[in-house]
Amino acid sequence: MANCDEIMEKVKETWEIVAEGAKELAVKTAEKAKTTARIAKLALEINGEKDTIKKAYLEIGKLYYQMHRDDPDGFFAQLCDEITVVSASISAKEEEIAELRRNGEKDDIEIELYDCDDAPYCFETVGCDCDGEEETFEAEETVVRAFKEIPPVVAEEDDSCACDE
């Protein structure tokens, strides 16, 4: 039985060693996690502070430009000229957008329809050789006419225009 007691003692010692190792591993892992979390927090704080500096630099540059755009010194002259040119370009493009929007509100869209013998209306497409009479309608009138007057068409395997025949 002494042999059995010796084995049990060895097992207990082994378990104590394993438990101690697991405990040390847990402590080291917790310390590493705390360190990693602190590093991440500091990195975020640094990035926030760098953003604050960038905003301050931008504000300084903006104020300098506003105060000295007509008489910049040395290296600043080139940068101020660049800002002036780009600002003018932006203004011109914004005005063009506004003009296009104003003109777009005035334009009426017209669609040309052809009254064919084989189809009630054929929207003229490239390659369509319709011999029908051309009619021009305002867009709204065209849509209303299309829904009221065009009979339902059964889809065929051939998707070509009925006027092409």
N, C-alpha and C. Protein backbone atom coordinates (compact mmCIF):
# COMPACT_ATOMS: atom_id res chain seq x y z
N MET A 1 0.80 -1.19 0.00
CA MET A 1 0.00 0.00 0.00
C MET A 1 0.84 1.25 0.00
N ALA A 2 2.03 1.09 0.44
CA ALA A 2 2.95 2.21 0.43
C ALA A 2 3.13 2.70 -0.99
N ASN A 3 3.12 1.79 -1.87
CA ASN A 3 3.27 2.11 -3.27
C ASN A 3 2.10 2.98 -3.74
N CYS A 4 0.90 2.66 -3.31
CA CYS A 4 -0.32 3.40 -3.67
C CYS A 4 -0.28 4.80 -3.04
N ASP A 5 0.22 4.90 -1.78
CA ASP A 5 0.31 6.20 -1.12
C ASP A 5 1.33 7.09 -1.84
N GLU A 6 2.41 6.47 -2.31
CA GLU A 6 3.42 7.24 -3.04
C GLU A 6 2.86 7.79 -4.35
N ILE A 7 2.07 6.98 -5.02
CA ILE A 7 1.46 7.39 -6.29
C ILE A 7 0.50 8.56 -6.04
N MET A 8 -0.32 8.43 -4.96
CA MET A 8 -1.28 9.48 -4.64
C MET A 8 -0.55 10.78 -4.30
N GLU A 9 0.58 10.66 -3.59
CA GLU A 9 1.37 11.84 -3.23
C GLU A 9 1.93 12.51 -4.48
N LYS A 10 2.40 11.72 -5.44
CA LYS A 10 2.94 12.25 -6.70
C LYS A 10 1.83 12.95 -7.49
N VAL A 11 0.62 12.34 -7.48
CA VAL A 11 -0.51 12.94 -8.20
C VAL A 11 -0.87 14.28 -7.59
N LYS A 12 -0.90 14.34 -6.24
CA LYS A 12 -1.20 15.59 -5.55
C LYS A 12 -0.15 16.66 -5.87
N GLU A 13 1.11 16.29 -5.85
CA GLU A 13 2.18 17.23 -6.16
C GLU A 13 2.03 17.74 -7.60
N THR A 14 1.73 16.82 -8.52
CA THR A 14 1.55 17.20 -9.93
C THR A 14 0.38 18.18 -10.07
N TRP A 15 -0.72 17.88 -9.40
CA TRP A 15 -1.88 18.77 -9.46
C TRP A 15 -1.56 20.13 -8.85
N GLU A 16 -0.78 20.16 -7.80
CA GLU A 16 -0.39 21.44 -7.19
C GLU A 16 0.47 22.25 -8.15
N ILE A 17 1.37 21.56 -8.84
CA ILE A 17 2.24 22.23 -9.82
C ILE A 17 1.39 22.78 -10.98
N VAL A 18 0.46 21.95 -11.47
CA VAL A 18 -0.43 22.38 -12.57
C VAL A 18 -1.29 23.55 -12.12
N ALA A 19 -1.86 23.47 -10.91
CA ALA A 19 -2.71 24.54 -10.39
C ALA A 19 -1.91 25.83 -10.24
N GLU A 20 -0.69 25.72 -9.71
CA GLU A 20 0.16 26.91 -9.55
C GLU A 20 0.49 27.53 -10.92
N GLY A 21 0.80 26.66 -11.89
CA GLY A 21 1.10 27.13 -13.26
C GLY A 21 -0.13 27.81 -13.87
N ALA A 22 -1.31 27.23 -13.68
CA ALA A 22 -2.54 27.83 -14.21
C ALA A 22 -2.80 29.19 -13.56
N LYS A 23 -2.54 29.27 -12.26
CA LYS A 23 -2.74 30.52 -11.54
C LYS A 23 -1.79 31.59 -12.07
N GLU A 24 -0.52 31.24 -12.26
CA GLU A 24 0.47 32.18 -12.79
C GLU A 24 0.08 32.62 -14.20
N LEU A 25 -0.38 31.66 -15.00
CA LEU A 25 -0.82 31.98 -16.37
C LEU A 25 -1.99 32.96 -16.34
N ALA A 26 -2.95 32.72 -15.44
CA ALA A 26 -4.11 33.61 -15.33
C ALA A 26 -3.69 35.01 -14.91
N VAL A 27 -2.78 35.10 -13.96
CA VAL A 27 -2.29 36.41 -13.50
C VAL A 27 -1.57 37.14 -14.64
N LYS A 28 -0.68 36.42 -15.35
CA LYS A 28 0.05 37.03 -16.46
C LYS A 28 -0.90 37.47 -17.58
N THR A 29 -1.91 36.63 -17.85
CA THR A 29 -2.90 36.95 -18.89
C THR A 29 -3.69 38.20 -18.50
N ALA A 30 -4.10 38.30 -17.24
CA ALA A 30 -4.82 39.47 -16.76
C ALA A 30 -3.96 40.73 -16.87
N GLU A 31 -2.70 40.61 -16.49
CA GLU A 31 -1.78 41.75 -16.59
C GLU A 31 -1.59 42.18 -18.04
N LYS A 32 -1.46 41.18 -18.92
CA LYS A 32 -1.29 41.47 -20.35
C LYS A 32 -2.54 42.16 -20.90
N ALA A 33 -3.72 41.69 -20.48
CA ALA A 33 -4.97 42.31 -20.93
C ALA A 33 -5.07 43.75 -20.45
N LYS A 34 -4.68 44.00 -19.20
CA LYS A 34 -4.69 45.37 -18.67
C LYS A 34 -3.73 46.25 -19.45
N THR A 35 -2.55 45.73 -19.73
CA THR A 35 -1.55 46.49 -20.48
C THR A 35 -2.06 46.81 -21.88
N THR A 36 -2.62 45.81 -22.54
CA THR A 36 -3.15 45.99 -23.89
C THR A 36 -4.29 47.01 -23.89
N ALA A 37 -5.18 46.93 -22.91
CA ALA A 37 -6.28 47.89 -22.81
C ALA A 37 -5.76 49.30 -22.58
N ARG A 38 -4.74 49.46 -21.74
CA ARG A 38 -4.16 50.77 -21.46
C ARG A 38 -3.50 51.34 -22.72
N ILE A 39 -2.79 50.48 -23.46
CA ILE A 39 -2.16 50.92 -24.71
C ILE A 39 -3.23 51.40 -25.69
N ALA A 40 -4.32 50.64 -25.82
CA ALA A 40 -5.40 51.03 -26.73
C ALA A 40 -6.02 52.36 -26.31
N LYS A 41 -6.26 52.54 -25.02
CA LYS A 41 -6.84 53.77 -24.51
C LYS A 41 -5.91 54.95 -24.78
N LEU A 42 -4.62 54.78 -24.51
CA LEU A 42 -3.65 55.85 -24.76
C LEU A 42 -3.56 56.19 -26.25
N ALA A 43 -3.61 55.16 -27.11
CA ALA A 43 -3.56 55.40 -28.55
C ALA A 43 -4.76 56.22 -29.01
N LEU A 44 -5.95 55.90 -28.48
CA LEU A 44 -7.14 56.67 -28.81
C LEU A 44 -7.02 58.11 -28.34
N GLU A 45 -6.50 58.30 -27.13
CA GLU A 45 -6.31 59.65 -26.61
C GLU A 45 -5.32 60.43 -27.48
N ILE A 46 -4.24 59.77 -27.89
CA ILE A 46 -3.24 60.42 -28.75
C ILE A 46 -3.88 60.84 -30.07
N ASN A 47 -4.66 59.94 -30.68
CA ASN A 47 -5.32 60.27 -31.95
C ASN A 47 -6.27 61.44 -31.79
N GLY A 48 -7.00 61.47 -30.67
CA GLY A 48 -7.90 62.60 -30.41
C GLY A 48 -7.14 63.90 -30.27
N GLU A 49 -6.01 63.86 -29.58
CA GLU A 49 -5.18 65.05 -29.42
C GLU A 49 -4.55 65.49 -30.74
N LYS A 50 -4.17 64.52 -31.59
CA LYS A 50 -3.64 64.86 -32.91
C LYS A 50 -4.71 65.54 -33.76
N ASP A 51 -5.95 65.06 -33.66
CA ASP A 51 -7.05 65.70 -34.38
C ASP A 51 -7.25 67.14 -33.91
N THR A 52 -7.11 67.35 -32.60
CA THR A 52 -7.23 68.71 -32.05
C THR A 52 -6.15 69.61 -32.64
N ILE A 53 -4.93 69.09 -32.73
CA ILE A 53 -3.82 69.86 -33.33
C ILE A 53 -4.11 70.15 -34.79
N LYS A 54 -4.59 69.14 -35.54
CA LYS A 54 -4.89 69.35 -36.97
C LYS A 54 -5.94 70.44 -37.14
N LYS A 55 -6.97 70.42 -36.30
CA LYS A 55 -8.02 71.44 -36.39
C LYS A 55 -7.44 72.82 -36.09
N ALA A 56 -6.54 72.89 -35.11
CA ALA A 56 -5.91 74.17 -34.77
C ALA A 56 -5.04 74.66 -35.95
N TYR A 57 -4.29 73.75 -36.55
CA TYR A 57 -3.48 74.12 -37.71
C TYR A 57 -4.37 74.64 -38.85
N LEU A 58 -5.46 73.94 -39.10
CA LEU A 58 -6.38 74.36 -40.15
C LEU A 58 -6.95 75.75 -39.85
N GLU A 59 -7.30 75.97 -38.61
CA GLU A 59 -7.84 77.27 -38.23
C GLU A 59 -6.80 78.37 -38.38
N ILE A 60 -5.55 78.08 -37.98
CA ILE A 60 -4.47 79.05 -38.16
C ILE A 60 -4.30 79.37 -39.64
N GLY A 61 -4.29 78.33 -40.46
CA GLY A 61 -4.14 78.55 -41.91
C GLY A 61 -5.30 79.35 -42.48
N LYS A 62 -6.49 79.05 -42.05
CA LYS A 62 -7.67 79.77 -42.52
C LYS A 62 -7.60 81.25 -42.11
N LEU A 63 -7.24 81.48 -40.85
CA LEU A 63 -7.12 82.86 -40.38
C LEU A 63 -6.01 83.61 -41.13
N TYR A 64 -4.86 82.95 -41.35
CA TYR A 64 -3.77 83.58 -42.09
C TYR A 64 -4.25 83.96 -43.49
N TYR A 65 -4.94 83.02 -44.14
CA TYR A 65 -5.42 83.28 -45.50
C TYR A 65 -6.38 84.47 -45.51
N GLN A 66 -7.30 84.49 -44.56
CA GLN A 66 -8.26 85.59 -44.51
C GLN A 66 -7.58 86.94 -44.25
N MET A 67 -6.52 86.93 -43.43
CA MET A 67 -5.84 88.17 -43.09
C MET A 67 -4.84 88.61 -44.16
N HIS A 68 -4.23 87.67 -44.90
CA HIS A 68 -3.13 88.00 -45.80
C HIS A 68 -3.35 87.54 -47.24
N ARG A 69 -4.57 87.23 -47.62
CA ARG A 69 -4.76 86.71 -48.99
C ARG A 69 -4.35 87.71 -50.06
N ASP A 70 -4.43 89.00 -49.75
CA ASP A 70 -4.04 90.01 -50.73
C ASP A 70 -2.54 90.33 -50.72
N ASP A 71 -1.86 90.00 -49.62
CA ASP A 71 -0.42 90.28 -49.53
C ASP A 71 0.32 89.19 -48.76
N PRO A 72 0.28 87.94 -49.23
CA PRO A 72 0.95 86.85 -48.51
C PRO A 72 2.47 86.97 -48.63
N ASP A 73 3.16 86.40 -47.66
CA ASP A 73 4.63 86.43 -47.63
C ASP A 73 5.22 85.13 -48.16
N GLY A 74 6.27 85.24 -48.96
CA GLY A 74 7.09 84.11 -49.39
C GLY A 74 6.33 82.87 -49.83
N PHE A 75 6.60 81.77 -49.13
CA PHE A 75 6.02 80.47 -49.45
C PHE A 75 4.49 80.51 -49.37
N PHE A 76 3.97 81.34 -48.50
CA PHE A 76 2.51 81.42 -48.32
C PHE A 76 1.82 81.99 -49.55
N ALA A 77 2.54 82.75 -50.36
CA ALA A 77 1.95 83.34 -51.56
C ALA A 77 1.43 82.26 -52.50
N GLN A 78 2.24 81.23 -52.72
CA GLN A 78 1.83 80.14 -53.61
C GLN A 78 0.60 79.43 -53.05
N LEU A 79 0.60 79.15 -51.76
CA LEU A 79 -0.54 78.46 -51.16
C LEU A 79 -1.81 79.31 -51.19
N CYS A 80 -1.66 80.59 -50.91
CA CYS A 80 -2.82 81.49 -50.95
C CYS A 80 -3.37 81.59 -52.37
N ASP A 81 -2.49 81.68 -53.36
CA ASP A 81 -2.94 81.71 -54.76
C ASP A 81 -3.67 80.44 -55.13
N GLU A 82 -3.15 79.31 -54.67
CA GLU A 82 -3.78 78.02 -54.94
C GLU A 82 -5.19 77.98 -54.34
N ILE A 83 -5.33 78.44 -53.11
CA ILE A 83 -6.65 78.47 -52.46
C ILE A 83 -7.60 79.38 -53.22
N THR A 84 -7.11 80.53 -53.65
CA THR A 84 -7.95 81.47 -54.40
C THR A 84 -8.42 80.88 -55.71
N VAL A 85 -7.52 80.24 -56.45
CA VAL A 85 -7.87 79.63 -57.74
C VAL A 85 -8.88 78.49 -57.54
N VAL A 86 -8.62 77.62 -56.59
CA VAL A 86 -9.52 76.48 -56.36
C VAL A 86 -10.88 76.97 -55.85
N SER A 87 -10.90 77.99 -55.00
CA SER A 87 -12.16 78.54 -54.50
C SER A 87 -12.99 79.10 -55.66
N ALA A 88 -12.34 79.79 -56.59
CA ALA A 88 -13.04 80.32 -57.76
C ALA A 88 -13.59 79.19 -58.62
N SER A 89 -12.81 78.13 -58.77
CA SER A 89 -13.26 76.97 -59.55
C SER A 89 -14.49 76.33 -58.90
N ILE A 90 -14.45 76.19 -57.58
CA ILE A 90 -15.59 75.62 -56.86
C ILE A 90 -16.83 76.49 -57.05
N SER A 91 -16.67 77.80 -56.92
CA SER A 91 -17.80 78.72 -57.08
C SER A 91 -18.40 78.61 -58.48
N ALA A 92 -17.54 78.53 -59.49
CA ALA A 92 -18.02 78.41 -60.87
C ALA A 92 -18.79 77.11 -61.07
N LYS A 93 -18.30 76.02 -60.51
CA LYS A 93 -18.98 74.73 -60.64
C LYS A 93 -20.30 74.72 -59.88
N GLU A 94 -20.33 75.35 -58.71
CA GLU A 94 -21.59 75.44 -57.96
C GLU A 94 -22.62 76.26 -58.72
N GLU A 95 -22.18 77.34 -59.37
CA GLU A 95 -23.09 78.16 -60.17
C GLU A 95 -23.59 77.37 -61.38
N GLU A 96 -22.72 76.57 -62.00
CA GLU A 96 -23.14 75.75 -63.13
C GLU A 96 -24.19 74.73 -62.70
N ILE A 97 -23.99 74.11 -61.53
CA ILE A 97 -24.97 73.16 -61.01
C ILE A 97 -26.31 73.86 -60.79
N ALA A 98 -26.27 75.05 -60.18
CA ALA A 98 -27.50 75.80 -59.93
C ALA A 98 -28.21 76.14 -61.24
N GLU A 99 -27.43 76.56 -62.25
CA GLU A 99 -28.01 76.89 -63.55
C GLU A 99 -28.63 75.66 -64.21
N LEU A 100 -27.93 74.53 -64.16
CA LEU A 100 -28.48 73.29 -64.73
C LEU A 100 -29.77 72.89 -64.04
N ARG A 101 -29.82 73.06 -62.73
CA ARG A 101 -31.05 72.74 -62.00
C ARG A 101 -32.18 73.68 -62.38
N ARG A 102 -31.87 74.98 -62.53
CA ARG A 102 -32.91 75.94 -62.94
C ARG A 102 -33.42 75.61 -64.33
N ASN A 103 -32.52 75.30 -65.26
CA ASN A 103 -32.94 74.96 -66.62
C ASN A 103 -33.68 73.64 -66.66
N GLY A 104 -33.28 72.69 -65.83
CA GLY A 104 -33.94 71.39 -65.80
C GLY A 104 -35.39 71.48 -65.37
N GLU A 105 -35.71 72.45 -64.54
CA GLU A 105 -37.09 72.62 -64.09
C GLU A 105 -37.96 73.19 -65.21
N LYS A 106 -37.36 73.91 -66.17
CA LYS A 106 -38.11 74.54 -67.24
C LYS A 106 -38.33 73.61 -68.43
N ASP A 107 -37.45 72.67 -68.63
CA ASP A 107 -37.49 71.83 -69.82
C ASP A 107 -38.67 70.88 -69.79
N ASP A 108 -39.38 70.78 -70.93
CA ASP A 108 -40.41 69.77 -71.11
C ASP A 108 -39.82 68.67 -71.98
N ILE A 109 -40.03 67.46 -71.60
CA ILE A 109 -39.50 66.33 -72.34
C ILE A 109 -40.52 65.93 -73.40
N GLU A 110 -40.06 65.75 -74.62
CA GLU A 110 -40.94 65.30 -75.69
C GLU A 110 -40.47 63.94 -76.16
N ILE A 111 -41.42 63.08 -76.46
CA ILE A 111 -41.11 61.74 -76.95
C ILE A 111 -41.79 61.60 -78.30
N GLU A 112 -41.06 61.13 -79.29
CA GLU A 112 -41.63 60.92 -80.61
C GLU A 112 -42.19 59.51 -80.70
N LEU A 113 -43.44 59.42 -81.14
CA LEU A 113 -44.10 58.13 -81.30
C LEU A 113 -44.50 57.99 -82.76
N TYR A 114 -44.51 56.77 -83.25
CA TYR A 114 -44.88 56.52 -84.62
C TYR A 114 -46.07 55.58 -84.63
N ASP A 115 -47.10 55.97 -85.33
CA ASP A 115 -48.31 55.15 -85.44
C ASP A 115 -48.09 54.19 -86.60
N CYS A 116 -47.90 52.92 -86.28
CA CYS A 116 -47.58 51.91 -87.30
C CYS A 116 -48.80 51.03 -87.56
N ASP A 117 -48.79 50.37 -88.69
CA ASP A 117 -49.87 49.44 -89.00
C ASP A 117 -49.79 48.20 -88.12
N ASP A 118 -48.56 47.73 -87.83
CA ASP A 118 -48.38 46.48 -87.09
C ASP A 118 -48.41 46.65 -85.58
N ALA A 119 -48.22 47.85 -85.08
CA ALA A 119 -48.20 48.07 -83.64
C ALA A 119 -48.85 49.42 -83.35
N PRO A 120 -49.59 49.53 -82.26
CA PRO A 120 -50.26 50.79 -81.95
C PRO A 120 -49.29 51.96 -81.84
N TYR A 121 -48.20 51.78 -81.14
CA TYR A 121 -47.18 52.81 -81.03
C TYR A 121 -45.83 52.13 -80.98
N CYS A 122 -44.89 52.66 -81.73
CA CYS A 122 -43.54 52.11 -81.71
C CYS A 122 -42.61 53.23 -81.27
N PHE A 123 -41.99 53.07 -80.11
CA PHE A 123 -41.01 54.07 -79.69
C PHE A 123 -39.82 53.92 -80.62
N GLU A 124 -39.50 54.98 -81.35
CA GLU A 124 -38.44 54.91 -82.34
C GLU A 124 -37.13 54.51 -81.68
N THR A 125 -36.52 53.50 -82.20
CA THR A 125 -35.23 53.06 -81.71
C THR A 125 -34.26 53.02 -82.87
N VAL A 126 -33.01 52.87 -82.58
CA VAL A 126 -32.00 52.80 -83.63
C VAL A 126 -32.29 51.59 -84.50
N GLY A 127 -32.37 51.81 -85.79
CA GLY A 127 -32.59 50.71 -86.72
C GLY A 127 -34.06 50.47 -87.04
N CYS A 128 -34.98 51.19 -86.43
CA CYS A 128 -36.40 50.99 -86.71
C CYS A 128 -36.75 51.78 -87.97
N ASP A 129 -37.31 51.11 -88.99
CA ASP A 129 -37.64 51.75 -90.26
C ASP A 129 -39.14 51.94 -90.38
N CYS A 130 -39.76 52.56 -89.39
CA CYS A 130 -41.21 52.76 -89.41
C CYS A 130 -41.59 53.72 -90.53
N ASP A 131 -42.67 53.40 -91.21
CA ASP A 131 -43.18 54.28 -92.25
C ASP A 131 -44.42 55.01 -91.76
N GLY A 132 -44.71 54.89 -90.46
CA GLY A 132 -45.93 55.48 -89.91
C GLY A 132 -45.82 56.99 -89.78
N GLU A 133 -46.93 57.59 -89.39
CA GLU A 133 -46.96 59.04 -89.21
C GLU A 133 -46.34 59.40 -87.88
N GLU A 134 -45.51 60.42 -87.89
CA GLU A 134 -44.83 60.85 -86.67
C GLU A 134 -45.76 61.76 -85.88
N GLU A 135 -45.84 61.52 -84.58
CA GLU A 135 -46.61 62.39 -83.69
C GLU A 135 -45.72 62.76 -82.51
N THR A 136 -45.80 64.00 -82.06
CA THR A 136 -45.02 64.44 -80.92
C THR A 136 -45.98 64.82 -79.80
N PHE A 137 -45.71 64.31 -78.60
CA PHE A 137 -46.56 64.58 -77.45
C PHE A 137 -45.70 65.06 -76.30
N GLU A 138 -46.27 65.82 -75.39
CA GLU A 138 -45.60 66.13 -74.14
C GLU A 138 -45.46 64.82 -73.38
N ALA A 139 -44.48 64.72 -72.48
CA ALA A 139 -44.20 63.49 -71.76
C ALA A 139 -45.40 62.99 -70.98
N GLU A 140 -46.08 63.87 -70.26
CA GLU A 140 -47.22 63.44 -69.44
C GLU A 140 -48.35 62.91 -70.32
N GLU A 141 -48.63 63.63 -71.43
CA GLU A 141 -49.67 63.21 -72.36
C GLU A 141 -49.32 61.85 -72.97
N THR A 142 -48.05 61.65 -73.28
CA THR A 142 -47.61 60.39 -73.88
C THR A 142 -47.85 59.22 -72.94
N VAL A 143 -47.50 59.39 -71.68
CA VAL A 143 -47.69 58.32 -70.71
C VAL A 143 -49.17 58.00 -70.55
N VAL A 144 -50.00 59.03 -70.46
CA VAL A 144 -51.44 58.81 -70.31
C VAL A 144 -51.99 58.10 -71.52
N ARG A 145 -51.61 58.54 -72.73
CA ARG A 145 -52.08 57.88 -73.97
C ARG A 145 -51.61 56.44 -74.03
N ALA A 146 -50.36 56.22 -73.64
CA ALA A 146 -49.82 54.87 -73.72
C ALA A 146 -50.62 53.92 -72.85
N PHE A 147 -50.97 54.33 -71.65
CA PHE A 147 -51.71 53.44 -70.76
C PHE A 147 -53.16 53.27 -71.20
N LYS A 148 -53.75 54.31 -71.82
CA LYS A 148 -55.17 54.22 -72.22
C LYS A 148 -55.36 53.51 -73.54
N GLU A 149 -54.47 53.74 -74.51
CA GLU A 149 -54.73 53.31 -75.87
C GLU A 149 -53.97 52.07 -76.33
N ILE A 150 -52.89 51.71 -75.68
CA ILE A 150 -52.11 50.56 -76.14
C ILE A 150 -52.73 49.29 -75.58
N PRO A 151 -53.16 48.40 -76.48
CA PRO A 151 -53.74 47.14 -76.00
C PRO A 151 -52.65 46.24 -75.44
N PRO A 152 -53.02 45.32 -74.55
CA PRO A 152 -52.01 44.42 -74.01
C PRO A 152 -51.37 43.59 -75.12
N VAL A 153 -50.11 43.36 -75.02
CA VAL A 153 -49.37 42.60 -76.03
C VAL A 153 -48.91 41.30 -75.40
N VAL A 154 -49.12 40.21 -76.10
CA VAL A 154 -48.65 38.92 -75.63
C VAL A 154 -47.19 38.79 -76.02
N ALA A 155 -46.36 38.48 -75.06
CA ALA A 155 -44.93 38.37 -75.30
C ALA A 155 -44.65 37.21 -76.23
N GLU A 156 -43.82 37.48 -77.22
CA GLU A 156 -43.40 36.44 -78.16
C GLU A 156 -41.93 36.18 -77.95
N GLU A 157 -41.45 35.10 -78.52
CA GLU A 157 -40.03 34.79 -78.39
C GLU A 157 -39.16 35.82 -79.07
N ASP A 158 -39.66 36.42 -80.17
CA ASP A 158 -38.91 37.43 -80.90
C ASP A 158 -39.15 38.79 -80.28
N ASP A 159 -38.11 39.43 -79.72
CA ASP A 159 -38.25 40.74 -79.05
C ASP A 159 -38.06 41.91 -80.01
N SER A 160 -37.97 41.68 -81.31
CA SER A 160 -37.72 42.78 -82.23
C SER A 160 -38.98 43.62 -82.39
N CYS A 161 -38.81 44.83 -82.88
CA CYS A 161 -39.92 45.76 -83.09
C CYS A 161 -40.82 45.21 -84.18
N ALA A 162 -42.12 45.34 -83.98
CA ALA A 162 -43.09 44.85 -84.96
C ALA A 162 -43.01 45.64 -86.24
N CYS A 163 -42.44 46.84 -86.18
CA CYS A 163 -42.32 47.70 -87.36
C CYS A 163 -41.18 47.28 -88.27
N ASP A 164 -40.28 46.45 -87.78
CA ASP A 164 -39.10 46.06 -88.56
C ASP A 164 -39.42 45.10 -89.68
N GLU A 165 -40.62 44.56 -89.69
CA GLU A 165 -40.94 43.53 -90.68
C GLU A 165 -41.26 44.10 -92.03
